[in-house]
Protein backbone atom coordinates (compact mmCIF):
# COMPACT_ATOMS: atom_id res chain seq x y z
CA MET A 1 129.60 -78.07 70.64
CA ALA A 2 130.33 -79.12 74.04
CA ALA A 3 129.54 -77.22 77.26
CA TYR A 4 130.97 -77.60 80.85
CA ARG A 5 129.24 -76.43 84.03
CA ILE A 6 131.11 -74.79 86.63
CA ARG A 7 132.16 -77.49 88.88
CA GLU A 8 133.07 -79.67 86.17
CA ALA A 9 135.62 -76.86 84.28
CA ALA A 10 137.20 -76.12 87.57
CA GLN A 11 138.04 -79.97 87.99
CA LEU A 12 139.75 -80.01 84.47
CA LEU A 13 141.54 -76.58 85.58
CA ALA A 14 142.59 -78.17 88.74
CA VAL A 15 140.92 -75.30 90.86
CA SER A 16 138.20 -74.65 92.91
CA ASP A 17 134.66 -73.51 91.77
CA ASP A 18 134.86 -70.59 93.57
CA THR A 19 138.12 -69.57 91.84
CA LEU A 20 136.62 -70.33 88.67
CA ARG A 21 133.77 -68.01 89.48
CA ARG A 22 136.10 -64.94 90.34
CA TRP A 23 137.80 -65.43 86.84
CA ILE A 24 134.49 -65.48 85.28
CA ASP A 25 133.60 -62.24 87.55
CA ALA A 26 136.69 -60.66 86.59
CA GLY A 27 136.20 -61.40 82.66
CA ARG A 28 138.88 -64.13 82.30
CA VAL A 29 136.69 -66.38 81.01
CA THR A 30 133.35 -66.15 79.48
CA ALA A 31 130.52 -68.17 80.79
CA ALA A 32 126.73 -68.03 79.48
CA GLN A 33 123.32 -69.41 81.07
CA ASP A 34 120.96 -71.67 79.51
CA GLY A 35 117.42 -69.91 80.51
CA ALA A 36 117.03 -70.77 83.90
CA GLY A 37 120.00 -73.04 83.99
CA PRO A 38 123.05 -73.09 85.57
CA LEU A 39 126.45 -71.14 84.11
CA SER A 40 128.23 -73.17 81.85
CA ILE A 41 131.41 -72.46 79.68
CA GLU A 42 131.84 -73.74 76.00
CA GLY A 43 134.18 -76.34 75.34
CA SER A 44 136.23 -73.90 72.89
CA GLU A 45 136.33 -71.09 75.40
CA LEU A 46 137.63 -73.51 77.84
CA ALA A 47 140.13 -74.92 75.81
CA ARG A 48 141.53 -71.13 75.12
CA PHE A 49 141.62 -70.31 78.62
CA ALA A 50 143.02 -73.70 79.73
CA GLU A 51 145.79 -72.98 77.31
CA GLU A 52 146.28 -69.37 78.47
CA HIS A 53 146.56 -70.30 82.11
CA ALA A 54 149.06 -72.98 81.68
CA ALA A 55 151.16 -70.60 79.66
CA SER A 56 151.06 -68.02 82.76
CA THR A 57 151.82 -70.59 85.09
CA PRO A 58 155.35 -70.05 86.77
CA ARG A 59 157.62 -73.09 86.14
CA LEU A 60 159.61 -74.43 88.86
CA SER A 61 162.62 -75.61 87.61
CA PRO A 62 164.68 -72.42 87.25
CA LEU A 63 167.68 -74.10 86.54
CA THR A 64 166.34 -75.39 82.97
CA THR A 65 166.01 -72.35 80.67
CA ARG A 66 165.39 -74.35 77.19
CA GLU A 67 164.77 -77.86 76.22
CA SER A 68 162.63 -79.40 73.73
CA ALA A 69 159.82 -81.11 76.07
CA ARG A 70 156.75 -79.06 76.32
CA ASN A 71 154.80 -81.27 78.69
CA HIS A 72 156.10 -80.56 82.24
CA PHE A 73 154.20 -81.75 85.46
CA VAL A 74 155.59 -80.32 88.68
CA GLY A 75 154.58 -82.57 91.77
CA LEU A 76 155.45 -84.65 94.55
CA VAL A 77 157.01 -87.92 94.18
CA THR A 78 154.66 -90.43 96.30
CA LYS A 79 156.27 -93.76 95.85
CA VAL A 80 159.70 -95.25 94.52
CA THR A 81 159.78 -99.27 94.14
CA ARG A 82 163.30 -100.30 93.54
CA ASP A 83 164.57 -103.55 92.52
CA THR A 84 168.56 -104.53 91.37
CA VAL A 85 168.29 -102.68 88.10
CA MET A 86 165.38 -100.52 87.66
CA ALA A 87 163.03 -98.17 89.75
CA GLN A 88 159.48 -97.17 89.28
CA VAL A 89 158.84 -93.73 90.39
CA GLU A 90 155.29 -92.29 90.73
CA LEU A 91 154.50 -88.20 91.14
CA GLN A 92 151.37 -86.85 91.76
CA SER A 93 150.86 -83.51 90.14
CA GLY A 94 147.56 -81.86 90.78
CA PRO A 95 144.78 -84.41 89.79
CA ASN A 96 147.60 -85.99 87.52
CA ARG A 97 149.64 -89.43 88.46
CA ILE A 98 152.57 -89.74 86.33
CA VAL A 99 154.58 -93.29 86.67
CA SER A 100 157.81 -93.18 85.28
CA LEU A 101 160.62 -95.90 85.07
CA MET A 102 164.35 -95.24 85.04
CA SER A 103 167.57 -97.00 86.20
CA ARG A 104 167.78 -97.64 89.77
CA GLU A 105 170.95 -95.65 89.50
CA ALA A 106 169.23 -92.68 88.23
CA ALA A 107 166.67 -92.69 90.90
CA ASP A 108 169.24 -93.04 93.68
CA GLU A 109 171.47 -90.08 92.32
CA LEU A 110 168.19 -88.20 91.92
CA GLY A 111 167.57 -88.72 95.39
CA LEU A 112 163.84 -89.75 94.60
CA GLU A 113 161.79 -90.69 97.73
CA PRO A 114 158.34 -89.87 98.56
CA GLY A 115 157.74 -86.23 99.52
CA VAL A 116 160.47 -85.00 96.96
CA LEU A 117 159.64 -82.13 94.91
CA ALA A 118 160.27 -82.99 91.05
CA VAL A 119 159.28 -82.11 87.50
CA ALA A 120 158.35 -84.80 85.00
CA SER A 121 158.89 -83.78 81.36
CA ILE A 122 157.30 -86.01 78.88
CA LYS A 123 158.16 -86.08 75.12
CA SER A 124 156.82 -89.08 73.38
CA THR A 125 156.38 -90.13 69.80
CA ASN A 126 153.11 -91.51 70.27
CA VAL A 127 150.22 -89.86 72.36
CA VAL A 128 146.86 -91.56 72.73
CA ILE A 129 143.87 -89.35 72.74
CA GLU A 130 140.69 -90.71 74.30
CA VAL A 131 137.13 -89.00 74.64
CA PRO A 132 135.04 -90.08 77.78
CA ASP A 133 131.58 -90.88 77.53
CA ARG A 134 129.60 -87.99 78.81
CA THR A 135 126.35 -89.31 79.09
């Protein structure tokens, strides 16, 4: 089973090392120590907490109460590239960069410009999962 050191787990949760340590001290996350080594969190425990933490995070789109898309990324628009028909919109949500292609008309109607707060709702029939090399 994979285990993650505090720094790595904090990066995956998009929080500081200190925040994760406070959560461990409060009993929200279980960490273990290998002999004299540093604290680590089992992968299954980190996955459980990540889901719990995501579910408890308030949504910033109060006008939407129900929808079918489950993946919402709140962030700031960082770049909008427009041509005569289409627009490419880049959104930074924590460590995630999301790129969306839409009609120029839609981007104009939404007033999308760098610095605008936006929510990317992602629903796809194909999702590719990759496992990074951790050697």
